[in-house]
Amino acid sequence: MDNDRASLITLDALGNIFVVGQSDQIGGGNTNYDYCVVKYSSAGIFKWARFLGNAVNNEEDPHAIVTDAAGSIFITGKSDQNALAVNTFNDFLTAKYDSAGVLQWSSYAAGSSTNSDDIGEGIILVSGNIYVCGSKQNSIAQKDATVIKYDAFGNVMLTFNLNGAGDFTDKIQATITDTLNNVYVTGYSYMPDHKRDVFTAKFDAAGNQLGKNIMIFRKVTMKEKASHSILLAMCMYVETALVIIPAMIM
């Protein structure tokens, strides 16, 4: 094995350290990156290492991790399912290891487009359930922002595909929860006329979408600048309504 790298680190409630990254399981000029999970005690004593990949010997890349009160670790990211190295067919790959390093479950999730490029970007725990967010390619031309809810055993309970204005690429890149178990996600929504805009949405504990908005920051014309004394205009897209709020020069 060679060409190994760490990209994520977290602690459990007892102070044990989890380091997650990629490990090349082939070496010798070829690459087969698998998820690599390493556990150390709070004193830095090595406990165990685990590797997770698919059968086609292509790249797995973890993007987010979280631990629970029992010391289990949950991982999400992407797994290339295409056996041809020149082609990419990424699926979400989400997995759970218990505190002893025993794999409890792993789950793949793919968009509806052929050879879709799907990536899990964030993961949180809410009342024993697991929320994974990222983007799925549901058509050749665009991706949808995606939230997947799993139960404690890795069964998919709900999947949400959020499509922004214009049916272009939308992507969730971070998620958080509050004391009421509401889930908040943020990322970007792409439209050709003003590129990427900030995308934010909220779900309740049952998975119902409570709201979404897209924040658009754009340069204004000299005429707008002279007449309104503004440098930027902020546009908020709430469901189907578009509200323009000028940002004044301070």
Protein backbone atom coordinates (compact mmCIF):
# COMPACT_ATOMS: atom_id res chain seq x y z
CA MET A 1 0.00 0.00 0.00
CA ASP A 2 1.14 3.56 -0.58
CA ASN A 3 -0.06 7.13 -1.08
CA ASP A 4 -2.26 7.38 2.03
CA ARG A 5 -3.70 10.63 3.34
CA ALA A 6 -5.80 11.89 6.26
CA SER A 7 -8.43 14.59 5.75
CA LEU A 8 -10.83 14.45 8.72
CA ILE A 9 -10.47 14.19 12.51
CA THR A 10 -12.93 14.09 15.40
CA LEU A 11 -13.27 12.97 19.04
CA ASP A 12 -15.87 10.84 20.80
CA ALA A 13 -17.32 11.55 24.24
CA LEU A 14 -14.44 9.71 25.96
CA GLY A 15 -11.77 11.65 24.11
CA ASN A 16 -10.83 8.87 21.70
CA ILE A 17 -9.49 10.19 18.41
CA PHE A 18 -10.78 9.19 14.99
CA VAL A 19 -8.74 10.01 11.90
CA VAL A 20 -10.37 9.42 8.51
CA GLY A 21 -8.96 9.71 5.02
CA GLN A 22 -7.95 7.62 2.02
CA SER A 23 -5.64 4.63 1.69
CA ASP A 24 -4.33 3.31 -1.61
CA GLN A 25 -4.96 -0.42 -1.50
CA ILE A 26 -3.06 -1.29 -4.71
CA GLY A 27 0.09 0.79 -5.02
CA GLY A 28 2.73 0.24 -7.68
CA GLY A 29 1.55 3.10 -9.88
CA ASN A 30 -2.13 2.16 -9.85
CA THR A 31 -4.56 3.62 -7.33
CA ASN A 32 -7.52 2.19 -5.44
CA TYR A 33 -8.34 4.65 -2.70
CA ASP A 34 -10.58 3.29 0.05
CA TYR A 35 -12.03 4.96 3.10
CA CYS A 36 -9.51 4.61 5.91
CA VAL A 37 -10.70 4.94 9.54
CA VAL A 38 -8.14 4.92 12.38
CA LYS A 39 -8.95 5.07 16.09
CA TYR A 40 -6.53 6.20 18.81
CA SER A 41 -7.10 6.45 22.56
CA SER A 42 -7.03 9.88 24.20
CA ALA A 43 -3.37 9.14 25.00
CA GLY A 44 -2.60 8.51 21.33
CA ILE A 45 -2.44 4.72 21.58
CA PHE A 46 -3.43 3.01 18.33
CA LYS A 47 -6.66 1.00 18.69
CA TRP A 48 -7.68 -0.14 15.22
CA ALA A 49 -7.79 0.72 11.52
CA ARG A 50 -10.49 -0.15 9.03
CA PHE A 51 -10.81 0.17 5.24
CA LEU A 52 -13.95 0.40 3.13
CA GLY A 53 -14.20 0.31 -0.66
CA ASN A 54 -16.16 -1.17 -3.52
CA ALA A 55 -15.55 -4.13 -5.80
CA VAL A 56 -14.45 -2.19 -8.89
CA ASN A 57 -11.21 -0.96 -7.27
CA ASN A 58 -11.84 2.72 -7.82
CA GLU A 59 -11.73 5.75 -5.58
CA GLU A 60 -13.59 6.28 -2.30
CA ASP A 61 -13.24 9.73 -0.76
CA PRO A 62 -14.72 10.57 2.70
CA HIS A 63 -16.08 14.09 3.12
CA ALA A 64 -17.65 14.22 6.60
CA ILE A 65 -17.68 12.29 9.90
CA VAL A 66 -19.52 12.36 13.22
CA THR A 67 -19.52 10.24 16.42
CA ASP A 68 -22.36 9.35 18.79
CA ALA A 69 -22.52 8.94 22.58
CA ALA A 70 -21.66 5.22 22.31
CA GLY A 71 -18.41 5.93 20.46
CA SER A 72 -19.63 4.81 17.05
CA ILE A 73 -18.43 6.74 14.01
CA PHE A 74 -20.46 7.63 10.92
CA ILE A 75 -18.85 8.56 7.61
CA THR A 76 -20.14 9.88 4.32
CA GLY A 77 -18.51 10.83 1.03
CA LYS A 78 -18.31 9.41 -2.47
CA SER A 79 -17.52 6.08 -4.10
CA ASP A 80 -16.69 5.66 -7.80
CA GLN A 81 -18.76 2.73 -9.09
CA ASN A 82 -17.37 2.70 -12.65
CA ALA A 83 -14.69 0.08 -13.30
CA LEU A 84 -13.16 2.27 -16.04
CA ALA A 85 -10.74 4.71 -14.45
CA VAL A 86 -11.35 7.29 -17.20
CA ASN A 87 -15.05 7.46 -16.30
CA THR A 88 -16.59 8.68 -13.05
CA PHE A 89 -19.74 7.23 -11.55
CA ASN A 90 -19.79 8.47 -7.96
CA ASP A 91 -22.42 7.40 -5.44
CA PHE A 92 -22.95 8.55 -1.88
CA LEU A 93 -21.21 6.07 0.43
CA THR A 94 -22.34 6.28 4.06
CA ALA A 95 -21.19 3.86 6.76
CA LYS A 96 -21.24 3.20 10.49
CA TYR A 97 -18.55 1.53 12.63
CA ASP A 98 -19.11 0.76 16.30
CA SER A 99 -16.57 1.67 18.99
CA ALA A 100 -14.72 -1.64 18.43
CA GLY A 101 -14.35 -0.97 14.70
CA VAL A 102 -16.99 -3.45 13.56
CA LEU A 103 -18.79 -2.30 10.42
CA GLN A 104 -22.49 -2.03 11.31
CA TRP A 105 -23.76 -1.03 7.89
CA SER A 106 -22.88 0.77 4.68
CA SER A 107 -25.23 2.31 2.17
CA TYR A 108 -24.85 3.61 -1.38
CA ALA A 109 -27.15 6.23 -2.90
CA ALA A 110 -27.20 7.33 -6.55
CA GLY A 111 -28.94 9.93 -8.66
CA SER A 112 -31.35 8.90 -11.40
CA SER A 113 -29.06 9.96 -14.26
CA THR A 114 -26.93 7.27 -15.93
CA ASN A 115 -23.35 7.33 -14.55
CA SER A 116 -24.34 10.14 -12.21
CA ASP A 117 -21.85 12.07 -10.09
CA ASP A 118 -23.23 12.04 -6.53
CA ILE A 119 -21.34 13.20 -3.44
CA GLY A 120 -22.17 13.17 0.27
CA GLU A 121 -20.82 16.40 1.79
CA GLY A 122 -22.15 16.51 5.36
CA ILE A 123 -23.53 14.26 8.10
CA ILE A 124 -25.29 14.85 11.43
CA LEU A 125 -27.15 12.77 14.03
CA VAL A 126 -30.66 13.74 15.13
CA SER A 127 -32.52 11.66 17.75
CA GLY A 128 -30.79 8.46 16.66
CA ASN A 129 -31.33 9.11 12.96
CA ILE A 130 -28.64 10.08 10.47
CA TYR A 131 -28.96 12.93 7.99
CA VAL A 132 -26.59 13.01 5.01
CA CYS A 133 -26.51 15.95 2.63
CA GLY A 134 -24.81 16.66 -0.67
CA SER A 135 -25.86 16.57 -4.30
CA LYS A 136 -27.27 14.01 -6.73
CA GLN A 137 -27.16 14.15 -10.51
CA ASN A 138 -30.75 13.52 -11.57
CA SER A 139 -30.27 14.62 -15.17
CA ILE A 140 -27.30 14.86 -17.52
CA ALA A 141 -27.13 18.65 -17.23
CA GLN A 142 -27.69 19.37 -13.54
CA LYS A 143 -27.49 18.23 -9.91
CA ASP A 144 -30.04 18.61 -7.15
CA ALA A 145 -29.25 19.47 -3.54
CA THR A 146 -30.02 16.26 -1.65
CA VAL A 147 -30.83 15.26 1.94
CA ILE A 148 -31.08 11.58 2.90
CA LYS A 149 -32.42 10.46 6.27
CA TYR A 150 -31.36 7.05 7.61
CA ASP A 151 -32.57 5.22 10.70
CA ALA A 152 -30.10 3.79 13.22
CA PHE A 153 -29.76 0.60 11.13
CA GLY A 154 -28.92 2.33 7.86
CA ASN A 155 -32.35 2.08 6.28
CA VAL A 156 -33.35 5.04 4.13
CA MET A 157 -36.34 6.76 5.66
CA LEU A 158 -36.64 9.86 3.48
CA THR A 159 -34.87 11.44 0.51
CA PHE A 160 -35.28 15.06 -0.55
CA ASN A 161 -34.03 16.48 -3.83
CA LEU A 162 -34.14 20.28 -3.80
CA ASN A 163 -34.10 21.92 -7.21
CA GLY A 164 -33.38 25.65 -7.38
CA ALA A 165 -34.64 28.20 -9.89
CA GLY A 166 -33.77 27.40 -13.50
CA ASP A 167 -33.17 23.65 -13.03
CA PHE A 168 -29.39 23.94 -12.80
CA THR A 169 -26.88 22.56 -10.32
CA ASP A 170 -27.68 22.85 -6.60
CA LYS A 171 -25.42 21.47 -3.90
CA ILE A 172 -25.56 21.22 -0.09
CA GLN A 173 -22.17 21.48 1.56
CA ALA A 174 -22.91 21.81 5.29
CA THR A 175 -25.62 20.93 7.79
CA ILE A 176 -26.48 21.56 11.45
CA THR A 177 -29.31 20.81 13.89
CA ASP A 178 -30.93 22.70 16.79
CA THR A 179 -32.39 21.67 20.17
CA LEU A 180 -35.77 20.96 18.55
CA ASN A 181 -34.11 18.56 16.07
CA ASN A 182 -34.75 20.85 13.12
CA VAL A 183 -32.17 20.40 10.39
CA TYR A 184 -30.57 23.31 8.53
CA VAL A 185 -28.60 22.89 5.31
CA THR A 186 -26.63 25.33 3.21
CA GLY A 187 -24.69 25.29 -0.04
CA TYR A 188 -25.16 26.87 -3.43
CA SER A 189 -27.56 27.08 -6.34
CA TYR A 190 -26.20 27.73 -9.82
CA MET A 191 -27.76 29.87 -12.54
CA PRO A 192 -25.82 30.93 -15.67
CA ASP A 193 -26.70 34.63 -15.46
CA HIS A 194 -25.22 35.12 -11.98
CA LYS A 195 -23.24 31.90 -11.30
CA ARG A 196 -23.43 30.45 -7.78
CA ASP A 197 -25.77 31.82 -5.09
CA VAL A 198 -26.05 30.93 -1.40
CA PHE A 199 -28.73 28.27 -0.81
CA THR A 200 -30.24 27.57 2.65
CA ALA A 201 -33.13 25.32 3.72
CA LYS A 202 -34.76 24.08 6.94
CA PHE A 203 -36.46 20.75 7.76
CA ASP A 204 -38.31 19.69 10.88
CA ALA A 205 -37.61 16.44 12.75
CA ALA A 206 -40.13 14.59 10.56
CA GLY A 207 -38.31 15.66 7.41
CA ASN A 208 -40.82 18.29 6.30
CA GLN A 209 -39.27 21.23 4.49
CA LEU A 210 -40.10 24.39 6.44
CA GLY A 211 -38.52 26.93 4.13
CA LYS A 212 -35.74 27.71 1.70
CA ASN A 213 -34.07 30.79 0.30
CA ILE A 214 -31.43 31.72 -2.21
CA MET A 215 -29.28 34.77 -1.52
CA ILE A 216 -28.03 36.53 -4.64
CA PHE A 217 -25.27 39.11 -4.40
CA ARG A 218 -24.56 40.93 -7.65
CA LYS A 219 -22.82 44.04 -8.92
CA VAL A 220 -25.19 46.78 -10.00
CA THR A 221 -25.02 49.18 -12.94
CA MET A 222 -23.62 52.71 -12.65
CA LYS A 223 -27.18 54.02 -13.03
CA GLU A 224 -28.35 51.95 -10.08
CA LYS A 225 -25.32 53.03 -8.10
CA ALA A 226 -25.98 56.72 -8.75
CA SER A 227 -29.70 56.63 -8.12
CA HIS A 228 -29.71 54.38 -5.08
CA SER A 229 -26.17 54.79 -3.71
CA ILE A 230 -25.69 51.04 -3.56
CA LEU A 231 -22.86 48.70 -4.41
CA LEU A 232 -24.79 45.45 -4.10
CA ALA A 233 -28.34 44.21 -4.36
CA MET A 234 -29.42 41.24 -2.34
CA CYS A 235 -32.15 39.04 -3.76
CA MET A 236 -33.99 36.55 -1.58
CA TYR A 237 -35.87 33.71 -3.24
CA VAL A 238 -38.39 32.29 -0.77
CA GLU A 239 -40.32 29.38 -2.28
CA THR A 240 -41.77 31.06 -5.42
CA ALA A 241 -41.51 34.72 -4.37
CA LEU A 242 -38.58 36.96 -5.31
CA VAL A 243 -37.84 39.90 -3.02
CA ILE A 244 -35.09 42.42 -3.78
CA ILE A 245 -33.49 44.15 -0.79
CA PRO A 246 -30.93 46.88 -1.57
CA ALA A 247 -27.75 46.95 0.50
CA MET A 248 -26.80 50.59 1.16
CA ILE A 249 -23.29 52.01 1.31
CA MET A 250 -22.17 52.39 4.94
